[in-house]
Amino acid sequence: MEIKEETKPEQIKEELEELETVQVKQEEEEELYKEELSTEKEHQKIQKVPSCKICGKRFIQQRYLADHMIIHTGAKPFQCGTCGKRFTRKTTLNFHMRIHTGEKPYTCEVCSKSFSYSSGLVRHMRIHTGERPFLCQTCGKSFADRGSLSTHIKVHQVEKLFPCRSCDKSFRNSRDLVRHSRLHTGEKPFSCGFCGKSYPSRGSLKTHSYVHMHQKPFVCELCAKTFTNRTNLVRHRRTHTGEKPFLCTTCGKSYTDNRNLKSHSRVHLQEKPYPSVPVSHLRKMLPSLTQPCVTQQSSPD
């Protein structure tokens, strides 16, 4: 079997979440066992259940106690023969080996994409279902996985010491403030070497350059359609999931795109996207518009 040396961050993330799932399942088994031993007679059986002499935690089997004791001793007897990384459990090592072997036993029934861990498949399925079970208790924003929520929470936790002088926004560092300030000043210091078009950030310029290089590096996992930027990919995904995150606060109607919401909002504001022209002006313009276009002919030599 071919051995793959490179370890991708996504794979490491999947491995850690899978290990967390295994630990949770073990704890659920223990809680279920304790519930079953609820009577006085069964309570006496609990006293005979193996328990940790250090922290007092009880286990339904001796082997679980042996695994638990490693937490106190710090021993990691199971070593990966490929990268040398050590683990406390044999099952954990088996999960880790999939990074090197490339084994992906969990397959999505919708798009046939495969994953090394069951947790990876669970997270992937939320792309199809649109499920976002991880909710930020501060602002109410929801996320498809725990990692994205943890990253988002830091936005609320970090003090923002750099306020914008033009609006009420504030930022965690001066770099973000400078980038934001360009929205007010209209400054666009990054110019395209192909067409001369300028952008407020280096990232925007890089995304624009894909148009000239005929590159579309952002690929939809569901239909393989490609896009030049991530924003268009995210917008496209909503055609698969049916997600409509942009809500009209007046009538409750929702949209997949913020531009569609803004266009809809004009209905309530009674705004017209294009200026109206008086009928009298149209009548004056009508004769010139209906006359045939006469091209000037060049005189013969």
Protein backbone atom coordinates (compact mmCIF):
# COMPACT_ATOMS: atom_id res chain seq x y z
CA MET A 1 0.00 0.00 0.00
CA GLU A 2 1.27 3.44 -0.90
CA ILE A 3 2.34 5.55 2.07
CA LYS A 4 1.61 9.29 2.03
CA GLU A 5 4.04 11.32 4.10
CA GLU A 6 2.27 14.71 4.00
CA THR A 7 -0.25 15.43 6.74
CA LYS A 8 -2.88 18.01 5.81
CA PRO A 9 -4.40 20.33 8.43
CA GLU A 10 -7.88 19.17 7.45
CA GLN A 11 -6.91 15.57 8.15
CA ILE A 12 -5.45 16.47 11.54
CA LYS A 13 -8.66 18.33 12.39
CA GLU A 14 -10.72 15.29 11.39
CA GLU A 15 -8.49 13.05 13.51
CA LEU A 16 -8.87 15.20 16.62
CA GLU A 17 -12.65 15.40 16.25
CA GLU A 18 -12.87 11.64 15.71
CA LEU A 19 -10.89 11.04 18.89
CA GLU A 20 -13.23 13.37 20.73
CA THR A 21 -16.20 11.38 19.38
CA VAL A 22 -14.69 8.11 20.65
CA GLN A 23 -14.21 9.59 24.11
CA VAL A 24 -17.77 10.90 24.20
CA LYS A 25 -19.14 7.48 23.22
CA GLN A 26 -17.19 5.85 26.04
CA GLU A 27 -18.54 8.36 28.55
CA GLU A 28 -22.08 7.77 27.28
CA GLU A 29 -21.64 4.02 27.81
CA GLU A 30 -20.52 4.66 31.35
CA GLU A 31 -23.47 6.94 32.12
CA LEU A 32 -25.91 4.41 30.67
CA TYR A 33 -24.42 1.67 32.80
CA LYS A 34 -24.76 3.77 35.96
CA GLU A 35 -28.42 4.48 35.17
CA GLU A 36 -29.13 0.76 34.85
CA LEU A 37 -27.61 0.16 38.29
CA SER A 38 -30.05 2.43 40.07
CA THR A 39 -31.62 0.15 42.72
CA GLU A 40 -30.12 -0.54 46.14
CA LYS A 41 -29.11 -4.03 45.12
CA GLU A 42 -27.48 -2.74 41.96
CA HIS A 43 -25.84 0.01 43.99
CA GLN A 44 -23.88 -2.68 45.75
CA LYS A 45 -22.68 -3.89 42.37
CA ILE A 46 -21.35 -0.42 41.64
CA GLN A 47 -19.02 -0.73 44.60
CA LYS A 48 -17.43 -3.71 42.85
CA VAL A 49 -17.01 -1.85 39.56
CA PRO A 50 -13.35 -0.98 38.84
CA SER A 51 -12.52 2.55 39.99
CA CYS A 52 -9.50 4.82 39.67
CA LYS A 53 -7.60 5.11 42.96
CA ILE A 54 -6.36 8.58 42.00
CA CYS A 55 -9.52 10.43 41.00
CA GLY A 56 -12.25 7.95 42.01
CA LYS A 57 -13.82 7.67 38.56
CA ARG A 58 -15.57 4.31 37.96
CA PHE A 59 -15.60 2.20 34.80
CA ILE A 60 -17.80 -0.60 33.54
CA GLN A 61 -14.82 -2.76 32.56
CA GLN A 62 -11.28 -3.21 33.75
CA ARG A 63 -9.90 -2.37 30.30
CA TYR A 64 -11.53 1.07 30.44
CA LEU A 65 -9.85 1.66 33.77
CA ALA A 66 -6.50 0.64 32.27
CA ASP A 67 -7.00 3.16 29.45
CA HIS A 68 -7.97 5.83 31.95
CA MET A 69 -4.87 5.33 34.09
CA ILE A 70 -2.73 6.45 31.15
CA ILE A 71 -4.16 9.96 31.70
CA HIS A 72 -2.46 10.09 35.09
CA THR A 73 0.76 8.37 34.04
CA GLY A 74 1.12 10.16 30.71
CA ALA A 75 2.24 6.95 29.02
CA LYS A 76 1.80 6.64 25.23
CA PRO A 77 2.72 3.04 24.43
CA PHE A 78 1.39 2.98 20.84
CA GLN A 79 3.72 4.52 18.26
CA CYS A 80 3.16 5.26 14.57
CA GLY A 81 5.76 3.48 12.49
CA THR A 82 5.63 6.14 9.76
CA CYS A 83 5.98 9.47 11.58
CA GLY A 84 6.87 8.37 15.12
CA LYS A 85 3.88 10.04 16.77
CA ARG A 86 2.76 8.24 19.94
CA PHE A 87 -0.74 7.59 21.27
CA THR A 88 -2.38 6.42 24.47
CA ARG A 89 -4.73 3.91 22.78
CA LYS A 90 -4.45 1.37 19.99
CA THR A 91 -7.71 2.59 18.44
CA THR A 92 -6.33 6.12 18.33
CA LEU A 93 -3.26 4.88 16.46
CA ASN A 94 -5.49 3.04 13.98
CA PHE A 95 -7.40 6.26 13.27
CA HIS A 96 -4.13 8.15 12.84
CA MET A 97 -2.75 5.64 10.31
CA ARG A 98 -5.43 6.62 7.81
CA ILE A 99 -3.56 9.90 7.31
CA HIS A 100 -0.58 7.97 5.94
CA THR A 101 -2.43 5.20 4.08
CA GLY A 102 -5.03 7.48 2.51
CA GLU A 103 -7.82 5.12 3.56
CA LYS A 104 -11.24 6.79 3.32
CA PRO A 105 -13.93 4.28 4.31
CA TYR A 106 -16.75 6.81 4.78
CA THR A 107 -18.48 7.86 1.54
CA CYS A 108 -21.16 10.50 0.96
CA GLU A 109 -24.25 8.97 -0.68
CA VAL A 110 -25.11 12.29 -2.34
CA CYS A 111 -21.87 13.21 -4.15
CA SER A 112 -19.65 10.12 -3.53
CA LYS A 113 -16.91 12.12 -1.79
CA SER A 114 -14.98 9.96 0.70
CA PHE A 115 -13.54 10.71 4.13
CA SER A 116 -11.05 9.14 6.52
CA TYR A 117 -13.26 9.65 9.58
CA SER A 118 -16.97 9.48 10.27
CA SER A 119 -16.85 12.97 11.77
CA GLY A 120 -15.60 14.31 8.43
CA LEU A 121 -18.58 12.76 6.65
CA VAL A 122 -20.98 14.20 9.24
CA ARG A 123 -19.57 17.71 8.72
CA HIS A 124 -19.65 17.30 4.94
CA MET A 125 -23.33 16.26 4.92
CA ARG A 126 -24.21 19.65 6.35
CA ILE A 127 -23.24 21.14 2.96
CA HIS A 128 -26.12 19.19 1.43
CA THR A 129 -28.61 19.72 4.26
CA GLY A 130 -27.65 23.32 5.12
CA GLU A 131 -27.60 22.37 8.81
CA ARG A 132 -25.69 24.73 11.13
CA PRO A 133 -26.02 23.30 14.64
CA PHE A 134 -23.28 25.35 16.33
CA LEU A 135 -24.72 28.65 17.54
CA CYS A 136 -22.85 31.68 18.84
CA GLN A 137 -24.47 32.67 22.14
CA THR A 138 -23.29 36.27 21.73
CA CYS A 139 -24.63 37.27 18.30
CA GLY A 140 -26.76 34.30 17.24
CA LYS A 141 -24.71 33.45 14.15
CA SER A 142 -24.62 29.71 13.40
CA PHE A 143 -21.92 27.48 11.93
CA ALA A 144 -21.63 24.04 10.38
CA ASP A 145 -18.78 22.83 12.60
CA ARG A 146 -17.38 23.46 16.07
CA GLY A 147 -14.04 24.70 14.72
CA SER A 148 -15.64 27.55 12.77
CA LEU A 149 -17.64 28.54 15.83
CA SER A 150 -14.51 28.58 18.02
CA THR A 151 -12.76 30.84 15.50
CA HIS A 152 -15.76 33.15 15.37
CA ILE A 153 -16.06 33.45 19.17
CA LYS A 154 -12.61 35.04 19.31
CA VAL A 155 -14.09 38.04 17.50
CA HIS A 156 -16.19 38.76 20.59
CA GLN A 157 -13.47 37.93 23.11
CA VAL A 158 -10.65 40.07 21.72
CA GLU A 159 -10.75 43.74 22.66
CA LYS A 160 -10.92 46.05 19.65
CA LEU A 161 -8.63 49.00 20.32
CA PHE A 162 -8.59 50.57 16.85
CA PRO A 163 -11.82 52.50 16.15
CA CYS A 164 -12.74 53.91 12.75
CA ARG A 165 -13.11 57.73 12.70
CA SER A 166 -15.69 57.61 9.93
CA CYS A 167 -18.11 55.04 11.39
CA ASP A 168 -18.78 53.17 14.63
CA LYS A 169 -16.75 50.09 13.70
CA SER A 170 -13.60 49.10 15.59
CA PHE A 171 -10.85 46.59 14.86
CA ARG A 172 -8.38 44.34 16.66
CA ASN A 173 -5.31 45.65 14.86
CA SER A 174 -4.20 48.64 12.81
CA ARG A 175 -3.87 46.59 9.63
CA ASP A 176 -7.58 45.76 9.58
CA LEU A 177 -8.40 49.39 10.34
CA VAL A 178 -6.29 50.62 7.40
CA ARG A 179 -7.96 48.12 5.08
CA HIS A 180 -11.41 49.18 6.30
CA SER A 181 -10.62 52.91 5.98
CA ARG A 182 -10.24 52.49 2.23
CA LEU A 183 -14.00 51.92 2.03
CA HIS A 184 -14.48 55.51 3.19
CA THR A 185 -11.60 57.12 1.29
CA GLY A 186 -12.05 55.17 -1.92
CA GLU A 187 -8.32 54.46 -2.02
CA LYS A 188 -7.34 51.54 -4.27
CA PRO A 189 -3.55 51.17 -4.14
CA PHE A 190 -3.32 47.74 -5.78
CA SER A 191 -3.43 47.86 -9.59
CA CYS A 192 -3.77 45.04 -12.09
CA GLY A 193 -0.76 44.73 -14.40
CA PHE A 194 -2.97 43.45 -17.24
CA CYS A 195 -5.84 45.91 -17.41
CA GLY A 196 -4.92 48.65 -14.95
CA LYS A 197 -7.98 48.13 -12.77
CA SER A 198 -7.28 48.94 -9.11
CA TYR A 199 -8.45 47.37 -5.84
CA PRO A 200 -8.42 48.30 -2.14
CA SER A 201 -6.67 45.10 -1.01
CA ARG A 202 -4.06 42.68 -2.28
CA GLY A 203 -6.50 39.80 -1.87
CA SER A 204 -9.04 41.47 -4.15
CA LEU A 205 -6.36 42.03 -6.79
CA LYS A 206 -5.29 38.39 -6.60
CA THR A 207 -8.87 37.24 -7.08
CA HIS A 208 -9.26 39.58 -10.07
CA SER A 209 -6.06 38.24 -11.68
CA TYR A 210 -7.72 34.83 -12.11
CA VAL A 211 -9.87 36.38 -14.84
CA HIS A 212 -6.81 37.17 -16.97
CA MET A 213 -5.12 33.85 -16.24
CA HIS A 214 -8.34 31.99 -17.06
CA GLN A 215 -8.18 30.25 -13.70
CA LYS A 216 -11.13 29.15 -11.61
CA PRO A 217 -9.59 27.62 -8.49
CA PHE A 218 -12.79 27.52 -6.43
CA VAL A 219 -14.68 24.28 -7.14
CA CYS A 220 -18.16 23.29 -5.99
CA GLU A 221 -17.99 19.92 -4.22
CA LEU A 222 -21.50 19.02 -5.35
CA CYS A 223 -21.51 19.67 -9.11
CA ALA A 224 -17.83 20.44 -9.92
CA LYS A 225 -18.69 23.90 -11.25
CA THR A 226 -15.73 26.28 -10.92
CA PHE A 227 -15.49 29.95 -9.96
CA THR A 228 -12.86 32.69 -9.96
CA ASN A 229 -13.56 33.75 -6.35
CA ARG A 230 -14.84 32.28 -3.10
CA THR A 231 -17.76 34.69 -2.84
CA ASN A 232 -19.33 33.37 -6.03
CA LEU A 233 -18.74 29.79 -4.88
CA VAL A 234 -20.50 30.45 -1.56
CA ARG A 235 -23.39 32.09 -3.40
CA HIS A 236 -23.59 29.14 -5.80
CA ARG A 237 -23.68 26.55 -3.00
CA ARG A 238 -26.96 28.00 -1.83
CA THR A 239 -28.58 26.73 -5.03
CA HIS A 240 -27.88 23.22 -3.71
CA THR A 241 -28.70 23.74 -0.04
CA GLY A 242 -31.64 26.12 -0.50
CA GLU A 243 -30.16 28.40 2.14
CA LYS A 244 -31.49 31.98 2.14
CA PRO A 245 -29.56 33.86 4.83
CA PHE A 246 -30.56 37.39 3.79
CA LEU A 247 -33.85 38.27 5.50
CA CYS A 248 -36.08 41.25 4.88
CA THR A 249 -36.88 42.73 8.30
CA THR A 250 -40.08 44.31 6.95
CA CYS A 251 -41.94 41.36 5.42
CA GLY A 252 -39.83 38.35 6.42
CA LYS A 253 -39.00 37.29 2.87
CA SER A 254 -35.52 35.79 2.50
CA TYR A 255 -33.00 35.69 -0.32
CA THR A 256 -29.86 33.78 -1.28
CA ASP A 257 -28.00 36.96 -2.23
CA ASN A 258 -27.61 40.31 -0.50
CA ARG A 259 -28.01 42.10 -3.83
CA ASN A 260 -31.44 40.54 -4.31
CA LEU A 261 -32.41 41.65 -0.80
CA LYS A 262 -31.37 45.25 -1.54
CA SER A 263 -33.36 45.21 -4.76
CA HIS A 264 -36.39 43.84 -2.88
CA SER A 265 -36.06 46.49 -0.15
CA ARG A 266 -36.85 49.21 -2.69
CA VAL A 267 -40.42 47.88 -2.78
CA HIS A 268 -40.92 48.90 0.84
CA LEU A 269 -38.96 52.15 0.48
CA GLN A 270 -40.84 52.98 -2.73
CA GLU A 271 -37.54 53.68 -4.45
CA LYS A 272 -36.99 53.30 -8.16
CA PRO A 273 -33.65 51.83 -9.21
CA TYR A 274 -33.60 53.96 -12.36
CA PRO A 275 -34.61 57.65 -12.65
CA SER A 276 -37.94 58.22 -14.36
CA VAL A 277 -38.22 60.37 -17.49
CA PRO A 278 -41.28 62.65 -17.93
CA VAL A 279 -43.63 61.67 -20.76
CA SER A 280 -43.30 65.14 -22.32
CA HIS A 281 -39.56 64.59 -22.69
CA LEU A 282 -40.13 61.21 -24.29
CA ARG A 283 -42.50 62.79 -26.85
CA LYS A 284 -39.87 65.38 -27.78
CA MET A 285 -37.25 62.63 -28.14
CA LEU A 286 -39.52 60.32 -30.14
CA PRO A 287 -39.09 61.95 -33.60
CA SER A 288 -35.31 61.79 -33.45
CA LEU A 289 -35.39 58.24 -32.19
CA THR A 290 -37.67 57.05 -34.98
CA GLN A 291 -35.72 58.67 -37.82
CA PRO A 292 -33.39 56.34 -39.71
CA CYS A 293 -29.70 56.70 -39.06
CA VAL A 294 -27.98 58.43 -42.01
CA THR A 295 -24.32 57.75 -42.44
CA GLN A 296 -22.12 60.27 -44.18
CA GLN A 297 -20.86 58.95 -47.50
CA SER A 298 -17.37 59.74 -48.57
CA SER A 299 -17.05 61.80 -51.73
CA PRO A 300 -15.53 60.04 -54.74
CA ASP A 301 -11.95 60.79 -55.50
